[in-house]
Amino acid sequence: MRGLLLAAMMLGAVTGAQAADLSDLPILRGGFSDGLTSSRVNWAGVYIGGQATHGAADMDFTNSGQDLLAKLLNNLDLESQFNISKWPLLGKAHMQSSGFGGFVGYNFQWSEALIGLELNYTRGNFFGASSGSQSRAFFFPTDYFTTADVSSSSSIKITDFGSLRVRGGYAIGSFLPYGFVGVAMGRADINRRADATLQYTYVGSAVPPKPNIGPVTYTLTDNANAHFLTGFAAGLGLDLMLYANIFLRAEWEYLRFTSTVDTSVNTVRAGVGYKF
């Protein structure tokens, strides 16, 4: 009987020791799994990076020459009567281009939520142009047959553009999806020209006949080189932290510039950055 009791006591001691040893393992304690689920990438602070860009620009030249024609024909009877400067002469252009650039920013992070301020820049070459003309004839003024020939041309070349943006994101492990809005800025060469030729031919019966007038040609150009553009920007992106604070970036951005040539630019980017 004593032997059985002694054996039971020894077995209990061994079992208790094994249980104590197992309790020190983090996988049973929850420490190992907690360490995985609670790990969080630190996105807070300064970051910098470079990027490659490809995009498309839509340029609307419809109204780009109207102010030049209005100046040319100011105080003329044909302009006040027929609004020649409002005639539709120009159209739209679409083109694609690639570029390169960089970005720098600062993030504030609270748990998984993030708010940041970023300056983004791209060097590219978006060029578009449009030209057109119209000719019309009028029996105006009285006893005159009058012809008006007008033409206009316009071009824009955007070489530098970017945005100062506020972005908000939510970290999911090593991933940081984000959205942003901001002010768009750019530099462009905008060249415009307008021409108008008017001729008044007398067709009345007055004796002696009244004099003919013209043809008279008017020309006006406007060349704005290195012109500063402003507008707004918005977009979406995804940063992926790789190793040692190096991250990859994929992004889409929409920029809208308001000027004598209304222009919108859609770009997609791939980049690499480093967070300090």
C-alpha atoms as a PDB file:
ATOM      1  CA  MET A   1       0.000   0.000   0.000  1.00  0.00           C
ATOM      2  CA  ARG A   2       2.852   2.310   0.846  1.00  0.00           C
ATOM      3  CA  GLY A   3       4.371   1.508  -2.558  1.00  0.00           C
ATOM      4  CA  LEU A   4       1.226   2.558  -4.383  1.00  0.00           C
ATOM      5  CA  LEU A   5       1.046   5.819  -2.457  1.00  0.00           C
ATOM      6  CA  LEU A   6       4.704   6.536  -3.143  1.00  0.00           C
ATOM      7  CA  ALA A   7       4.249   5.836  -6.870  1.00  0.00           C
ATOM      8  CA  ALA A   8       1.175   8.131  -7.039  1.00  0.00           C
ATOM      9  CA  MET A   9       3.063  10.915  -5.295  1.00  0.00           C
ATOM     10  CA  MET A  10       5.990  10.616  -7.709  1.00  0.00           C
ATOM     11  CA  LEU A  11       3.678  10.581 -10.756  1.00  0.00           C
ATOM     12  CA  GLY A  12       1.891  13.688  -9.496  1.00  0.00           C
ATOM     13  CA  ALA A  13       5.167  15.502  -8.966  1.00  0.00           C
ATOM     14  CA  VAL A  14       6.349  14.687 -12.510  1.00  0.00           C
ATOM     15  CA  THR A  15       3.028  15.756 -14.037  1.00  0.00           C
ATOM     16  CA  GLY A  16       3.109  19.041 -12.125  1.00  0.00           C
ATOM     17  CA  ALA A  17       6.656  19.739 -13.267  1.00  0.00           C
ATOM     18  CA  GLN A  18       5.726  19.076 -16.911  1.00  0.00           C
ATOM     19  CA  ALA A  19       2.712  21.390 -16.642  1.00  0.00           C
ATOM     20  CA  ALA A  20       4.917  24.113 -15.155  1.00  0.00           C
ATOM     21  CA  ASP A  21       7.403  23.755 -18.012  1.00  0.00           C
ATOM     22  CA  LEU A  22       4.653  23.896 -20.662  1.00  0.00           C
ATOM     23  CA  SER A  23       3.165  27.001 -19.094  1.00  0.00           C
ATOM     24  CA  ASP A  24       6.400  28.843 -19.879  1.00  0.00           C
ATOM     25  CA  LEU A  25       5.963  28.300 -23.609  1.00  0.00           C
ATOM     26  CA  PRO A  26       4.626  31.474 -25.272  1.00  0.00           C
ATOM     27  CA  ILE A  27       2.454  29.602 -27.729  1.00  0.00           C
ATOM     28  CA  LEU A  28       0.335  28.248 -24.881  1.00  0.00           C
ATOM     29  CA  ARG A  29       0.457  31.501 -22.976  1.00  0.00           C
ATOM     30  CA  GLY A  30      -0.687  33.508 -26.021  1.00  0.00           C
ATOM     31  CA  GLY A  31       2.524  35.506 -26.231  1.00  0.00           C
ATOM     32  CA  PHE A  32       3.618  34.157 -29.623  1.00  0.00           C
ATOM     33  CA  SER A  33       0.275  34.598 -31.357  1.00  0.00           C
ATOM     34  CA  ASP A  34      -0.256  37.975 -29.693  1.00  0.00           C
ATOM     35  CA  GLY A  35       3.102  39.095 -30.949  1.00  0.00           C
ATOM     36  CA  LEU A  36       2.040  38.394 -34.537  1.00  0.00           C
ATOM     37  CA  THR A  37      -1.395  39.937 -34.411  1.00  0.00           C
ATOM     38  CA  SER A  38      -0.385  43.052 -32.532  1.00  0.00           C
ATOM     39  CA  SER A  39       2.724  43.869 -34.612  1.00  0.00           C
ATOM     40  CA  ARG A  40       2.367  47.269 -36.287  1.00  0.00           C
ATOM     41  CA  VAL A  41       4.573  49.050 -38.825  1.00  0.00           C
ATOM     42  CA  ASN A  42       5.652  52.487 -37.709  1.00  0.00           C
ATOM     43  CA  TRP A  43       4.817  54.895 -40.571  1.00  0.00           C
ATOM     44  CA  ALA A  44       5.207  58.039 -38.478  1.00  0.00           C
ATOM     45  CA  GLY A  45       7.893  60.543 -39.376  1.00  0.00           C
ATOM     46  CA  VAL A  46       9.708  61.864 -42.421  1.00  0.00           C
ATOM     47  CA  TYR A  47       9.889  59.890 -45.668  1.00  0.00           C
ATOM     48  CA  ILE A  48      11.318  60.484 -49.146  1.00  0.00           C
ATOM     49  CA  GLY A  49      11.238  58.618 -52.454  1.00  0.00           C
ATOM     50  CA  GLY A  50      11.361  58.532 -56.227  1.00  0.00           C
ATOM     51  CA  GLN A  51       8.792  57.476 -58.817  1.00  0.00           C
ATOM     52  CA  ALA A  52       8.155  56.690 -62.472  1.00  0.00           C
ATOM     53  CA  THR A  53       4.948  58.045 -64.030  1.00  0.00           C
ATOM     54  CA  HIS A  54       2.760  57.351 -67.050  1.00  0.00           C
ATOM     55  CA  GLY A  55      -0.359  59.335 -67.815  1.00  0.00           C
ATOM     56  CA  ALA A  56      -2.765  60.958 -70.222  1.00  0.00           C
ATOM     57  CA  ALA A  57      -3.736  64.611 -70.573  1.00  0.00           C
ATOM     58  CA  ASP A  58      -6.983  66.041 -71.935  1.00  0.00           C
ATOM     59  CA  MET A  59      -6.726  69.635 -73.155  1.00  0.00           C
ATOM     60  CA  ASP A  60      -9.750  71.774 -74.003  1.00  0.00           C
ATOM     61  CA  PHE A  61      -8.877  74.642 -76.390  1.00  0.00           C
ATOM     62  CA  THR A  62     -12.503  75.599 -77.113  1.00  0.00           C
ATOM     63  CA  ASN A  63     -12.386  78.993 -75.431  1.00  0.00           C
ATOM     64  CA  SER A  64      -8.645  79.612 -75.513  1.00  0.00           C
ATOM     65  CA  GLY A  65      -8.687  82.094 -78.411  1.00  0.00           C
ATOM     66  CA  GLN A  66     -11.904  83.970 -77.729  1.00  0.00           C
ATOM     67  CA  ASP A  67     -10.362  86.707 -75.615  1.00  0.00           C
ATOM     68  CA  LEU A  68      -7.773  87.443 -78.331  1.00  0.00           C
ATOM     69  CA  LEU A  69     -10.460  87.774 -81.005  1.00  0.00           C
ATOM     70  CA  ALA A  70     -12.522  89.976 -78.700  1.00  0.00           C
ATOM     71  CA  LYS A  71      -9.554  92.339 -78.332  1.00  0.00           C
ATOM     72  CA  LEU A  72      -8.951  92.355 -82.086  1.00  0.00           C
ATOM     73  CA  LEU A  73     -12.555  93.175 -82.941  1.00  0.00           C
ATOM     74  CA  ASN A  74     -13.331  95.459 -80.018  1.00  0.00           C
ATOM     75  CA  ASN A  75     -15.741  98.298 -80.992  1.00  0.00           C
ATOM     76  CA  LEU A  76     -16.246  96.959 -84.548  1.00  0.00           C
ATOM     77  CA  ASP A  77     -19.805  96.792 -85.850  1.00  0.00           C
ATOM     78  CA  LEU A  78     -19.502  93.152 -86.970  1.00  0.00           C
ATOM     79  CA  GLU A  79     -18.406  92.040 -83.514  1.00  0.00           C
ATOM     80  CA  SER A  80     -21.233  93.834 -81.720  1.00  0.00           C
ATOM     81  CA  GLN A  81     -23.785  92.512 -84.215  1.00  0.00           C
ATOM     82  CA  PHE A  82     -22.628  88.914 -84.799  1.00  0.00           C
ATOM     83  CA  ASN A  83     -20.325  88.070 -81.831  1.00  0.00           C
ATOM     84  CA  ILE A  84     -17.537  86.877 -84.099  1.00  0.00           C
ATOM     85  CA  SER A  85     -15.186  86.263 -81.163  1.00  0.00           C
ATOM     86  CA  LYS A  86     -17.579  83.579 -79.867  1.00  0.00           C
ATOM     87  CA  TRP A  87     -17.486  81.478 -83.026  1.00  0.00           C
ATOM     88  CA  PRO A  88     -16.350  77.894 -82.288  1.00  0.00           C
ATOM     89  CA  LEU A  89     -12.911  77.565 -83.835  1.00  0.00           C
ATOM     90  CA  LEU A  90     -10.858  75.234 -81.658  1.00  0.00           C
ATOM     91  CA  GLY A  91     -11.384  71.759 -80.247  1.00  0.00           C
ATOM     92  CA  LYS A  92      -9.821  69.324 -77.807  1.00  0.00           C
ATOM     93  CA  ALA A  93      -6.643  67.250 -77.717  1.00  0.00           C
ATOM     94  CA  HIS A  94      -5.640  64.036 -75.973  1.00  0.00           C
ATOM     95  CA  MET A  95      -2.111  62.737 -75.522  1.00  0.00           C
ATOM     96  CA  GLN A  96      -0.033  60.386 -73.390  1.00  0.00           C
ATOM     97  CA  SER A  97       3.428  60.712 -71.911  1.00  0.00           C
ATOM     98  CA  SER A  98       5.759  59.278 -69.288  1.00  0.00           C
ATOM     99  CA  GLY A  99       7.906  61.010 -66.707  1.00  0.00           C
ATOM    100  CA  PHE A 100       9.836  60.695 -63.475  1.00  0.00           C
ATOM    101  CA  GLY A 101       9.946  62.533 -60.183  1.00  0.00           C
ATOM    102  CA  GLY A 102      10.002  62.293 -56.427  1.00  0.00           C
ATOM    103  CA  PHE A 103       8.129  62.923 -53.206  1.00  0.00           C
ATOM    104  CA  VAL A 104       8.783  63.948 -49.627  1.00  0.00           C
ATOM    105  CA  GLY A 105       6.386  63.997 -46.705  1.00  0.00           C
ATOM    106  CA  TYR A 106       5.667  63.606 -43.005  1.00  0.00           C
ATOM    107  CA  ASN A 107       3.205  61.216 -41.352  1.00  0.00           C
ATOM    108  CA  PHE A 108       1.364  61.414 -38.040  1.00  0.00           C
ATOM    109  CA  GLN A 109       0.146  58.022 -36.806  1.00  0.00           C
ATOM    110  CA  TRP A 110      -2.370  57.006 -34.114  1.00  0.00           C
ATOM    111  CA  SER A 111      -2.560  53.227 -33.790  1.00  0.00           C
ATOM    112  CA  GLU A 112      -3.429  52.136 -37.370  1.00  0.00           C
ATOM    113  CA  ALA A 113      -4.803  55.518 -38.512  1.00  0.00           C
ATOM    114  CA  LEU A 114      -2.512  57.954 -40.293  1.00  0.00           C
ATOM    115  CA  ILE A 115      -2.621  61.557 -41.538  1.00  0.00           C
ATOM    116  CA  GLY A 116       0.220  63.067 -43.535  1.00  0.00           C
ATOM    117  CA  LEU A 117       1.377  66.036 -45.573  1.00  0.00           C
ATOM    118  CA  GLU A 118       3.245  65.391 -48.842  1.00  0.00           C
ATOM    119  CA  LEU A 119       4.862  67.321 -51.689  1.00  0.00           C
ATOM    120  CA  ASN A 120       4.861  65.346 -54.951  1.00  0.00           C
ATOM    121  CA  TYR A 121       6.685  66.316 -58.173  1.00  0.00           C
ATOM    122  CA  THR A 122       6.832  64.914 -61.727  1.00  0.00           C
ATOM    123  CA  ARG A 123       8.935  65.942 -64.704  1.00  0.00           C
ATOM    124  CA  GLY A 124       7.135  65.099 -67.957  1.00  0.00           C
ATOM    125  CA  ASN A 125       6.150  66.362 -71.395  1.00  0.00           C
ATOM    126  CA  PHE A 126       2.450  66.729 -72.162  1.00  0.00           C
ATOM    127  CA  PHE A 127       1.953  68.662 -75.413  1.00  0.00           C
ATOM    128  CA  GLY A 128      -1.273  69.441 -77.250  1.00  0.00           C
ATOM    129  CA  ALA A 129      -2.425  71.876 -79.931  1.00  0.00           C
ATOM    130  CA  SER A 130      -5.508  72.901 -81.873  1.00  0.00           C
ATOM    131  CA  SER A 131      -6.274  75.283 -84.738  1.00  0.00           C
ATOM    132  CA  GLY A 132      -9.335  76.263 -86.735  1.00  0.00           C
ATOM    133  CA  SER A 133     -10.954  78.895 -88.923  1.00  0.00           C
ATOM    134  CA  GLN A 134     -14.331  80.118 -90.162  1.00  0.00           C
ATOM    135  CA  SER A 135     -15.523  82.396 -92.981  1.00  0.00           C
ATOM    136  CA  ARG A 136     -18.933  84.023 -93.156  1.00  0.00           C
ATOM    137  CA  ALA A 137     -20.621  86.654 -95.303  1.00  0.00           C
ATOM    138  CA  PHE A 138     -23.252  89.230 -94.345  1.00  0.00           C
ATOM    139  CA  PHE A 139     -25.363  91.893 -95.993  1.00  0.00           C
ATOM    140  CA  PHE A 140     -24.361  94.341 -93.313  1.00  0.00           C
ATOM    141  CA  PRO A 141     -24.332  97.245 -92.880  1.00  0.00           C
ATOM    142  CA  THR A 142     -26.931  98.541 -95.315  1.00  0.00           C
ATOM    143  CA  ASP A 143     -25.817  98.355 -98.979  1.00  0.00           C
ATOM    144  CA  TYR A 144     -22.670  96.438 -98.097  1.00  0.00           C
ATOM    145  CA  PHE A 145     -21.683  92.821 -98.704  1.00  0.00           C
ATOM    146  CA  THR A 146     -19.238  92.019 -95.919  1.00  0.00           C
ATOM    147  CA  THR A 147     -16.996  88.986 -95.386  1.00  0.00           C
ATOM    148  CA  ALA A 148     -15.251  87.956 -92.174  1.00  0.00           C
ATOM    149  CA  ASP A 149     -12.468  85.376 -92.097  1.00  0.00           C
ATOM    150  CA  VAL A 150     -11.229  84.454 -88.628  1.00  0.00           C
ATOM    151  CA  SER A 151      -8.745  81.850 -87.443  1.00  0.00           C
ATOM    152  CA  SER A 152      -7.167  80.837 -84.175  1.00  0.00           C
ATOM    153  CA  SER A 153      -4.472  78.462 -82.972  1.00  0.00           C
ATOM    154  CA  SER A 154      -3.352  77.434 -79.512  1.00  0.00           C
ATOM    155  CA  SER A 155      -0.874  75.031 -77.936  1.00  0.00           C
ATOM    156  CA  ILE A 156       0.193  74.032 -74.444  1.00  0.00           C
ATOM    157  CA  LYS A 157       3.225  72.096 -73.238  1.00  0.00           C
ATOM    158  CA  ILE A 158       3.288  71.024 -69.596  1.00  0.00           C
ATOM    159  CA  THR A 159       6.789  70.082 -68.470  1.00  0.00           C
ATOM    160  CA  ASP A 160       6.582  70.106 -64.666  1.00  0.00           C
ATOM    161  CA  PHE A 161       3.650  69.337 -62.408  1.00  0.00           C
ATOM    162  CA  GLY A 162       2.883  68.117 -58.934  1.00  0.00           C
ATOM    163  CA  SER A 163       0.743  68.550 -55.856  1.00  0.00           C
ATOM    164  CA  LEU A 164       0.861  69.633 -52.246  1.00  0.00           C
ATOM    165  CA  ARG A 165      -1.480  67.159 -50.634  1.00  0.00           C
ATOM    166  CA  VAL A 166      -3.027  66.023 -47.386  1.00  0.00           C
ATOM    167  CA  ARG A 167      -3.414  62.276 -47.204  1.00  0.00           C
ATOM    168  CA  GLY A 168      -5.165  59.902 -44.858  1.00  0.00           C
ATOM    169  CA  GLY A 169      -4.575  56.165 -44.543  1.00  0.00           C
ATOM    170  CA  TYR A 170      -5.120  53.078 -42.429  1.00  0.00           C
ATOM    171  CA  ALA A 171      -2.271  50.623 -41.838  1.00  0.00           C
ATOM    172  CA  ILE A 172      -3.060  46.925 -42.335  1.00  0.00           C
ATOM    173  CA  GLY A 173       0.047  44.979 -41.393  1.00  0.00           C
ATOM    174  CA  SER A 174       2.756  46.069 -43.824  1.00  0.00           C
ATOM    175  CA  PHE A 175       0.211  47.682 -46.173  1.00  0.00           C
ATOM    176  CA  LEU A 176      -0.868  51.325 -46.080  1.00  0.00           C
ATOM    177  CA  PRO A 177      -3.804  52.168 -48.380  1.00  0.00           C
ATOM    178  CA  TYR A 178      -4.467  55.903 -48.536  1.00  0.00           C
ATOM    179  CA  GLY A 179      -6.376  58.672 -50.256  1.00  0.00           C
ATOM    180  CA  PHE A 180      -5.448  62.321 -50.702  1.00  0.00           C
ATOM    181  CA  VAL A 181      -6.606  65.758 -51.841  1.00  0.00           C
ATOM    182  CA  GLY A 182      -4.562  68.855 -52.437  1.00  0.00           C
ATOM    183  CA  VAL A 183      -3.461  71.769 -54.568  1.00  0.00           C
ATOM    184  CA  ALA A 184      -2.137  71.018 -58.065  1.00  0.00           C
ATOM    185  CA  MET A 185       0.742  73.076 -59.446  1.00  0.00           C
ATOM    186  CA  GLY A 186       2.472  73.053 -62.813  1.00  0.00           C
ATOM    187  CA  ARG A 187       4.632  74.898 -65.311  1.00  0.00           C
ATOM    188  CA  ALA A 188       3.628  75.209 -68.954  1.00  0.00           C
ATOM    189  CA  ASP A 189       4.345  77.048 -72.205  1.00  0.00           C
ATOM    190  CA  ILE A 190       1.082  78.371 -73.679  1.00  0.00           C
ATOM    191  CA  ASN A 191       1.168  79.938 -77.152  1.00  0.00           C
ATOM    192  CA  ARG A 192      -1.919  81.459 -78.759  1.00  0.00           C
ATOM    193  CA  ARG A 193      -2.698  83.396 -81.931  1.00  0.00           C
ATOM    194  CA  ALA A 194      -5.813  84.943 -83.478  1.00  0.00           C
ATOM    195  CA  ASP A 195      -6.294  86.446 -86.968  1.00  0.00           C
ATOM    196  CA  ALA A 196      -9.247  88.268 -88.505  1.00  0.00           C
ATOM    197  CA  THR A 197      -9.657  89.613 -92.040  1.00  0.00           C
ATOM    198  CA  LEU A 198     -12.649  91.867 -92.808  1.00  0.00           C
ATOM    199  CA  GLN A 199     -13.771  93.242 -96.159  1.00  0.00           C
ATOM    200  CA  TYR A 200     -16.699  95.584 -96.890  1.00  0.00           C
ATOM    201  CA  THR A 201     -17.860  95.716-100.539  1.00  0.00           C
ATOM    202  CA  TYR A 202     -20.417  98.339-101.487  1.00  0.00           C
ATOM    203  CA  VAL A 203     -23.386  96.911-103.474  1.00  0.00           C
ATOM    204  CA  GLY A 204     -25.776  99.855-103.239  1.00  0.00           C
ATOM    205  CA  SER A 205     -26.981 102.206-105.986  1.00  0.00           C
ATOM    206  CA  ALA A 206     -25.716 105.492-104.631  1.00  0.00           C
ATOM    207  CA  VAL A 207     -24.065 107.820-107.121  1.00  0.00           C
ATOM    208  CA  PRO A 208     -21.223 108.164-106.703  1.00  0.00           C
ATOM    209  CA  PRO A 209     -20.887 104.727-105.045  1.00  0.00           C
ATOM    210  CA  LYS A 210     -19.687 104.546-101.491  1.00  0.00           C
ATOM    211  CA  PRO A 211     -16.120 103.315-101.039  1.00  0.00           C
ATOM    212  CA  ASN A 212     -15.165  99.713-100.397  1.00  0.00           C
ATOM    213  CA  ILE A 213     -13.281  99.001 -97.186  1.00  0.00           C
ATOM    214  CA  GLY A 214     -10.561  96.402 -96.934  1.00  0.00           C
ATOM    215  CA  PRO A 215      -9.527  93.758 -96.862  1.00  0.00           C
ATOM    216  CA  VAL A 216      -8.139  94.629 -93.441  1.00  0.00           C
ATOM    217  CA  THR A 217      -6.259  92.006 -91.429  1.00  0.00           C
ATOM    218  CA  TYR A 218      -5.839  92.032 -87.648  1.00  0.00           C
ATOM    219  CA  THR A 219      -3.425  89.747 -85.761  1.00  0.00           C
ATOM    220  CA  LEU A 220      -2.779  89.216 -82.071  1.00  0.00           C
ATOM    221  CA  THR A 221      -0.496  86.719 -80.321  1.00  0.00           C
ATOM    222  CA  ASP A 222       0.038  85.781 -76.703  1.00  0.00           C
ATOM    223  CA  ASN A 223       3.040  83.687 -75.626  1.00  0.00           C
ATOM    224  CA  ALA A 224       3.172  82.703 -71.964  1.00  0.00           C
ATOM    225  CA  ASN A 225       6.378  80.716 -71.441  1.00  0.00           C
ATOM    226  CA  ALA A 226       7.064  79.004 -68.114  1.00  0.00           C
ATOM    227  CA  HIS A 227       3.532  79.974 -67.062  1.00  0.00           C
ATOM    228  CA  PHE A 228       2.577  78.880 -63.523  1.00  0.00           C
ATOM    229  CA  LEU A 229      -0.557  76.724 -63.380  1.00  0.00           C
ATOM    230  CA  THR A 230      -2.749  75.989 -60.379  1.00  0.00           C
ATOM    231  CA  GLY A 231      -5.692  73.713 -59.753  1.00  0.00           C
ATOM    232  CA  PHE A 232      -6.678  70.793 -57.545  1.00  0.00           C
ATOM    233  CA  ALA A 233      -5.492  67.209 -57.108  1.00  0.00           C
ATOM    234  CA  ALA A 234      -6.985  63.990 -55.754  1.00  0.00           C
ATOM    235  CA  GLY A 235      -6.113  60.321 -55.822  1.00  0.00           C
ATOM    236  CA  LEU A 236      -5.581  56.931 -54.202  1.00  0.00           C
ATOM    237  CA  GLY A 237      -2.483  54.906 -53.410  1.00  0.00           C
ATOM    238  CA  LEU A 238      -0.920  51.967 -51.603  1.00  0.00           C
ATOM    239  CA  ASP A 239       2.415  51.822 -49.761  1.00  0.00           C
ATOM    240  CA  LEU A 240       4.000  48.477 -48.844  1.00  0.00           C
ATOM    241  CA  MET A 241       6.740  48.355 -46.217  1.00  0.00           C
ATOM    242  CA  LEU A 242       9.421  45.854 -47.246  1.00  0.00           C
ATOM    243  CA  TYR A 243      12.476  45.857 -44.986  1.00  0.00           C
ATOM    244  CA  ALA A 244      14.552  48.334 -42.981  1.00  0.00           C
ATOM    245  CA  ASN A 245      12.108  51.206 -43.604  1.00  0.00           C
ATOM    246  CA  ILE A 246      12.164  50.759 -47.394  1.00  0.00           C
ATOM    247  CA  PHE A 247       8.699  50.769 -48.975  1.00  0.00           C
ATOM    248  CA  LEU A 248       7.123  50.387 -52.429  1.00  0.00           C
ATOM    249  CA  ARG A 249       4.362  52.623 -53.764  1.00  0.00           C
ATOM    250  CA  ALA A 250       1.597  52.331 -56.359  1.00  0.00           C
ATOM    251  CA  GLU A 251      -0.599  55.375 -56.976  1.00  0.00           C
ATOM    252  CA  TRP A 252      -3.219  57.030 -59.186  1.00  0.00           C
ATOM    253  CA  GLU A 253      -3.540  60.831 -59.270  1.00  0.00           C
ATOM    254  CA  TYR A 254      -5.961  63.205 -61.006  1.00  0.00           C
ATOM    255  CA  LEU A 255      -4.949  66.839 -61.534  1.00  0.00           C
ATOM    256  CA  ARG A 256      -7.093  69.619 -62.986  1.00  0.00           C
ATOM    257  CA  PHE A 257      -5.515  72.894 -64.100  1.00  0.00           C
ATOM    258  CA  THR A 258      -7.547  76.007 -64.890  1.00  0.00           C
ATOM    259  CA  SER A 259      -5.992  78.437 -67.349  1.00  0.00           C
ATOM    260  CA  THR A 260      -6.616  79.743 -70.867  1.00  0.00           C
ATOM    261  CA  VAL A 261      -6.422  76.046 -71.803  1.00  0.00           C
ATOM    262  CA  ASP A 262      -8.374  73.856 -69.379  1.00  0.00           C
ATOM    263  CA  THR A 263      -6.290  70.721 -68.787  1.00  0.00           C
ATOM    264  CA  SER A 264      -6.783  67.541 -66.794  1.00  0.00           C
ATOM    265  CA  VAL A 265      -4.041  64.964 -66.215  1.00  0.00           C
ATOM    266  CA  ASN A 266      -4.529  61.354 -65.082  1.00  0.00           C
ATOM    267  CA  THR A 267      -1.377  59.508 -64.010  1.00  0.00           C
ATOM    268  CA  VAL A 268      -0.414  56.132 -62.544  1.00  0.00           C
ATOM    269  CA  ARG A 269       2.884  55.803 -60.664  1.00  0.00           C
ATOM    270  CA  ALA A 270       5.245  53.214 -59.275  1.00  0.00           C
ATOM    271  CA  GLY A 271       7.798  54.307 -56.716  1.00  0.00           C
ATOM    272  CA  VAL A 272      10.175  53.340 -53.947  1.00  0.00           C
ATOM    273  CA  GLY A 273      10.716  55.280 -50.730  1.00  0.00           C
ATOM    274  CA  TYR A 274      12.539  55.340 -47.432  1.00  0.00           C
ATOM    275  CA  LYS A 275      11.076  56.334 -44.052  1.00  0.00           C
ATOM    276  CA  PHE A 276      13.540  57.830 -41.609  1.00  0.00           C
END
